[in-house]
Protein backbone atom coordinates (compact mmCIF):
# COMPACT_ATOMS: atom_id res chain seq x y z
CA LYS A 1 144.09 183.02 392.40
CA LEU A 2 142.63 179.25 390.42
CA ASP A 3 141.71 178.13 393.70
CA THR A 4 139.14 181.47 393.71
CA THR A 5 137.98 180.95 390.58
CA THR A 6 137.24 177.36 390.52
CA HIS A 7 135.24 178.37 393.65
CA LEU A 8 133.44 181.72 392.16
CA LEU A 9 132.71 178.79 388.90
CA LYS A 10 131.34 176.37 391.37
CA GLU A 11 128.86 179.01 393.37
CA THR A 12 128.05 180.56 389.98
CA VAL A 13 126.68 176.42 388.79
CA ASN A 14 125.02 176.04 392.23
CA ARG A 15 122.85 179.45 392.21
CA LEU A 16 121.74 179.56 388.54
CA ASN A 17 120.75 175.10 389.59
CA LYS A 18 118.58 175.94 392.39
CA THR A 19 117.19 179.03 389.97
CA LEU A 20 116.44 176.52 387.06
CA ASP A 21 115.25 174.25 389.72
CA SER A 22 113.03 176.72 391.29
CA SER A 23 110.64 176.89 389.03
CA MET A 24 107.45 175.63 388.67
CA ASP A 25 107.87 175.10 384.84
CA VAL A 26 109.92 172.42 383.11
CA ILE A 27 113.42 173.43 381.96
CA CYS A 28 115.21 171.38 379.40
CA THR A 29 116.91 170.81 376.69
CA ILE A 30 116.89 168.22 374.38
CA ASP A 31 119.76 166.92 372.05
CA ASP A 32 118.85 166.42 368.31
CA SER A 33 117.78 162.36 368.75
CA GLY A 34 115.07 163.76 371.46
CA LYS A 35 116.72 162.63 374.20
CA PHE A 36 116.62 165.21 377.40
CA VAL A 37 120.02 165.98 377.88
CA ASP A 38 119.26 168.96 380.90
CA ILE A 39 116.12 169.08 382.52
CA ASN A 40 115.21 170.64 386.63
CA ALA A 41 113.59 169.24 388.83
CA ALA A 42 110.18 170.51 387.96
CA SER A 43 109.32 167.49 386.31
CA LEU A 44 109.04 165.17 389.47
CA LYS A 45 106.03 167.43 390.58
CA ILE A 46 104.79 167.86 386.08
CA TRP A 47 105.73 164.36 385.23
CA GLY A 48 106.65 162.35 388.38
CA TYR A 49 109.92 161.67 386.98
CA THR A 50 112.96 162.85 389.00
CA PRO A 51 115.62 164.69 386.25
CA GLU A 52 117.99 162.20 387.04
CA GLU A 53 115.09 159.01 385.49
CA LEU A 54 114.09 161.18 382.84
CA LYS A 55 118.17 162.09 381.11
CA GLY A 56 118.91 159.68 378.09
CA THR A 57 115.21 159.24 377.85
CA GLN A 58 112.66 160.01 374.69
CA ILE A 59 111.01 162.34 375.02
CA LEU A 60 108.05 161.00 372.53
CA GLU A 61 107.75 157.48 375.58
CA LEU A 62 106.47 160.36 377.43
CA VAL A 63 104.06 161.73 375.16
CA TYR A 64 100.48 160.15 375.15
CA LYS A 65 99.63 158.23 372.18
CA GLU A 66 97.04 160.56 370.52
CA ASP A 67 99.42 163.22 370.36
CA LEU A 68 102.92 161.58 369.21
CA GLU A 69 102.22 162.09 365.37
CA LYS A 70 101.43 165.93 365.87
CA THR A 71 104.39 165.92 368.32
CA ILE A 72 106.72 164.64 365.88
CA ASN A 73 105.59 166.70 363.01
CA GLU A 74 106.64 170.28 365.77
CA VAL A 75 109.67 168.81 366.85
CA SER A 76 110.70 168.41 363.20
CA THR A 77 109.76 172.04 362.39
CA ILE A 78 111.62 173.54 365.62
CA LYS A 79 114.51 171.62 364.49
CA HIS A 80 113.92 173.59 361.50
CA GLY A 81 114.55 176.82 362.69
CA VAL A 82 111.41 177.48 363.89
CA ALA A 83 110.67 178.28 367.11
CA THR A 84 107.72 177.53 369.14
CA GLU A 85 105.70 179.74 371.40
CA PHE A 86 102.24 178.03 371.61
CA PHE A 87 102.39 173.79 370.58
CA GLU A 88 99.92 172.05 372.98
CA ASN A 89 100.31 168.12 373.50
CA ARG A 90 100.52 165.65 376.89
CA TYR A 91 102.37 164.05 378.67
CA VAL A 92 100.84 160.61 380.88
CA HIS A 93 102.41 161.92 384.48
CA LYS A 94 104.01 158.31 386.18
CA ASN A 95 101.11 157.52 387.76
CA GLY A 96 99.41 157.45 384.30
CA THR A 97 97.70 160.39 384.34
CA ILE A 98 97.06 163.06 381.91
CA VAL A 99 99.05 166.34 382.08
CA SER A 100 98.52 168.23 379.66
CA ILE A 101 101.13 171.19 379.35
CA LEU A 102 101.97 174.51 377.11
CA TRP A 103 105.34 174.35 375.33
CA SER A 104 107.94 176.65 373.88
CA ALA A 105 110.66 176.08 372.27
CA ARG A 106 113.34 176.61 369.31
CA TRP A 107 116.84 174.80 368.33
CA ASP A 108 120.27 176.47 369.17
CA GLU A 109 122.43 175.88 367.00
CA ALA A 110 125.13 176.40 368.26
CA LEU A 111 124.35 173.34 371.35
CA GLN A 112 122.84 171.86 369.07
CA LEU A 113 119.94 171.40 371.71
CA VAL A 114 116.82 172.33 371.94
CA LEU A 115 115.40 175.10 374.48
CA CYS A 116 112.17 174.18 375.80
CA VAL A 117 110.24 175.21 378.89
CA ALA A 118 107.68 173.77 379.57
CA LYS A 119 104.22 174.81 381.74
CA ASP A 120 101.09 172.38 383.09
CA ILE A 121 98.18 173.85 381.77
CA THR A 122 95.50 170.60 382.94
CA ASP A 123 94.13 172.91 385.11
CA LYS A 124 93.52 175.15 382.63
CA LYS A 125 91.82 172.57 380.24
CA THR A 126 89.70 171.22 382.90
CA LEU A 127 88.77 174.36 383.65
CA GLU A 128 87.98 175.23 380.65
CA LYS A 129 85.94 172.06 379.44
CA THR A 130 83.92 172.64 382.77
CA LEU A 131 83.24 175.80 381.58
CA GLN A 132 81.93 174.86 378.08
CA GLN A 133 79.64 171.37 379.50
CA GLU A 134 78.42 174.19 381.76
CA LYS A 135 77.29 176.95 378.76
CA LYS A 136 76.02 173.79 377.23
CA ARG A 137 74.26 172.83 379.95
CA PHE A 138 73.08 175.91 380.31
CA GLN A 139 72.00 176.14 376.43
CA GLY A 140 69.92 173.34 376.45
CA LEU A 141 68.00 174.21 379.93
CA TYR A 142 67.63 178.16 378.29
CA GLU A 143 66.10 176.03 375.50
CA GLN A 144 63.39 173.95 377.05
CA ALA A 145 62.60 176.94 379.62
CA PRO A 146 58.87 176.87 379.07
CA SER A 147 58.93 180.95 379.18
CA ALA A 148 59.64 183.50 376.68
CA MET A 149 63.04 184.23 377.33
CA GLY A 150 65.95 187.01 375.52
CA ILE A 151 68.81 188.01 376.77
CA LEU A 152 69.25 191.83 375.80
CA LYS A 153 72.78 193.63 375.74
CA GLY A 154 73.84 197.10 375.87
CA PRO A 155 72.05 201.02 375.97
CA ASN A 156 70.39 199.88 373.01
CA HIS A 157 68.48 196.90 374.33
CA ILE A 158 69.62 194.22 370.94
CA TYR A 159 69.02 190.57 371.64
CA GLU A 160 71.82 188.57 372.50
CA LEU A 161 69.89 185.55 373.07
CA ALA A 162 66.24 184.32 372.33
CA ASN A 163 64.80 180.98 373.27
CA PRO A 164 61.97 179.47 370.66
CA PRO A 165 59.06 180.42 372.60
CA TYR A 166 60.53 184.01 373.14
CA LEU A 167 60.35 183.61 369.10
CA LYS A 168 56.72 182.49 368.86
């Protein structure tokens, strides 16, 4: 009977590990001193480090230096029992590139661990930056256009935008 129980327990653990490792997001636990305890295989894709390389590593060692202070403050807040769902910071990938991360995390008092999910939002941030640049570019072209241009919105034709020649 003990053999059967042990076998079932090993199967369950293997299945759960496989489930965690299939996640596209990093799922990890961090101890009270700020070190990775458990981490899934997504760490290799997102940060370039295997779980084995990261276990026992201080999370702050990977944080982009400009985000250190806000990360330290957020970790302190989480340890005081305030869960976070939308904390963004940047990490330095093993290859030196910057990776934008969206965190959700909460402190588990019984385990004395921070339970975390980290999502790579680098592509989203790049797209947002590109969109902002294109908006500025459009605005510049629109403002400098030699002919009058106006943008009207809705059935009542409410002015949404008008360039300087149109306003003259």
